[in-house]
Amino acid sequence: MIKTINKNFNKQEPWFKWLTRELNSYEAFQDFASGKNPKDVAEEFISNNSIVISQVFENFDEDDKDTLDQFLKLTECEWHVFRILEKQIALRNKIRFVDFKKKKK
């Protein structure tokens, strides 16, 4: 991993903004290119940021749990959208056009 992120969590900043910023700057595609699967990349991110994540959890309350639940639903929805798009692209690539006006020889 070229970039290890372990910035201090600012307690005035919402945890989801911190998480989004850190995930966006994380070099996950390098891990994917080296053959790691998404679960392993996620676990490495958590491990690299365990101290900061523990700071986030110190102040975690019911509103934060609700926010996390909404994010989980949103990411699951996004995952389904990407899978549907993937299937549509695969189907489009399988379609063959037949020219019925063309005469057989």
Protein backbone atom coordinates (compact mmCIF):
# COMPACT_ATOMS: atom_id res chain seq x y z
CA MET A 1 0.00 0.00 0.00
CA ILE A 2 1.55 3.26 -1.07
CA LYS A 3 -0.65 5.51 1.01
CA THR A 4 -1.48 4.74 4.61
CA ILE A 5 -4.09 7.09 5.98
CA ASN A 6 -4.21 7.68 9.67
CA LYS A 7 -5.32 11.28 10.05
CA ASN A 8 -6.82 12.42 13.31
CA PHE A 9 -10.57 12.48 13.42
CA ASN A 10 -11.95 15.94 14.06
CA LYS A 11 -14.81 15.51 16.53
CA GLN A 12 -16.56 18.51 14.97
CA GLU A 13 -16.65 16.79 11.58
CA PRO A 14 -19.43 14.24 11.00
CA TRP A 15 -17.97 10.73 10.91
CA PHE A 16 -19.51 9.96 7.52
CA LYS A 17 -17.74 12.94 5.93
CA TRP A 18 -14.45 11.76 7.40
CA LEU A 19 -15.09 8.21 6.19
CA THR A 20 -16.07 9.33 2.70
CA ARG A 21 -12.98 11.53 2.41
CA GLU A 22 -10.66 8.77 3.60
CA LEU A 23 -12.20 6.08 1.41
CA ASN A 24 -12.01 8.36 -1.63
CA SER A 25 -8.30 8.98 -1.03
CA TYR A 26 -7.51 5.32 -0.28
CA GLU A 27 -5.56 3.54 -3.02
CA ALA A 28 -7.92 0.55 -3.28
CA PHE A 29 -7.46 0.08 -7.03
CA GLN A 30 -3.79 -0.70 -6.51
CA ASP A 31 -4.85 -3.49 -4.16
CA PHE A 32 -7.38 -4.77 -6.69
CA ALA A 33 -4.68 -4.74 -9.38
CA SER A 34 -2.46 -6.86 -7.14
CA GLY A 35 -5.22 -9.47 -6.84
CA LYS A 36 -6.81 -8.61 -3.51
CA ASN A 37 -10.56 -8.99 -3.24
CA PRO A 38 -12.83 -6.17 -2.00
CA LYS A 39 -13.32 -7.73 1.43
CA ASP A 40 -9.57 -7.92 2.04
CA VAL A 41 -9.12 -4.33 0.87
CA ALA A 42 -11.88 -3.20 3.25
CA GLU A 43 -10.32 -5.08 6.16
CA GLU A 44 -6.95 -3.50 5.41
CA PHE A 45 -8.56 -0.04 5.35
CA ILE A 46 -10.14 -0.73 8.76
CA SER A 47 -6.86 -2.02 10.12
CA ASN A 48 -4.90 0.99 8.84
CA ASN A 49 -7.43 3.35 10.41
CA SER A 50 -8.29 1.43 13.58
CA ILE A 51 -7.18 4.17 15.98
CA VAL A 52 -9.18 6.86 14.23
CA ILE A 53 -12.19 4.57 13.89
CA SER A 54 -12.09 3.87 17.62
CA GLN A 55 -12.21 7.66 18.17
CA VAL A 56 -15.27 7.83 15.94
CA PHE A 57 -16.99 5.10 17.96
CA GLU A 58 -16.36 6.91 21.27
CA ASN A 59 -19.13 9.36 20.42
CA PHE A 60 -21.38 7.05 18.40
CA ASP A 61 -25.04 7.46 19.34
CA GLU A 62 -28.47 6.37 18.05
CA ASP A 63 -28.51 9.06 15.36
CA ASP A 64 -25.16 7.81 14.13
CA LYS A 65 -26.49 4.24 14.05
CA ASP A 66 -29.47 5.43 12.00
CA THR A 67 -27.12 7.25 9.63
CA LEU A 68 -25.02 4.11 9.25
CA ASP A 69 -28.16 2.08 8.52
CA GLN A 70 -29.17 4.55 5.80
CA PHE A 71 -25.68 4.40 4.28
CA LEU A 72 -25.85 0.59 4.26
CA LYS A 73 -29.18 0.73 2.42
CA LEU A 74 -27.82 3.29 -0.04
CA THR A 75 -24.68 1.27 -0.81
CA GLU A 76 -26.74 -1.90 -1.24
CA CYS A 77 -29.00 -0.03 -3.66
CA GLU A 78 -25.95 1.26 -5.56
CA TRP A 79 -24.55 -2.27 -5.72
CA HIS A 80 -27.80 -3.53 -7.25
CA VAL A 81 -27.81 -0.69 -9.79
CA PHE A 82 -24.24 -1.55 -10.85
CA ARG A 83 -25.13 -5.25 -11.15
CA ILE A 84 -28.17 -4.43 -13.31
CA LEU A 85 -26.03 -2.22 -15.54
CA GLU A 86 -23.41 -4.97 -15.77
CA LYS A 87 -26.06 -7.48 -16.88
CA GLN A 88 -27.52 -5.07 -19.44
CA ILE A 89 -24.07 -4.47 -20.93
CA ALA A 90 -23.42 -8.21 -21.07
CA LEU A 91 -26.76 -8.79 -22.81
CA ARG A 92 -26.12 -5.99 -25.26
CA ASN A 93 -22.80 -7.54 -26.18
CA LYS A 94 -24.49 -10.91 -26.85
CA ILE A 95 -27.15 -9.55 -29.21
CA ARG A 96 -26.52 -10.27 -32.87
CA PHE A 97 -28.26 -8.35 -35.55
CA VAL A 98 -29.60 -10.33 -38.46
CA ASP A 99 -30.12 -8.70 -41.82
CA PHE A 100 -33.16 -10.46 -43.27
CA LYS A 101 -32.83 -8.57 -46.53
CA LYS A 102 -29.55 -10.27 -47.24
CA LYS A 103 -29.92 -13.22 -49.62
CA LYS A 104 -28.28 -16.54 -48.92
CA LYS A 105 -25.93 -17.75 -51.58
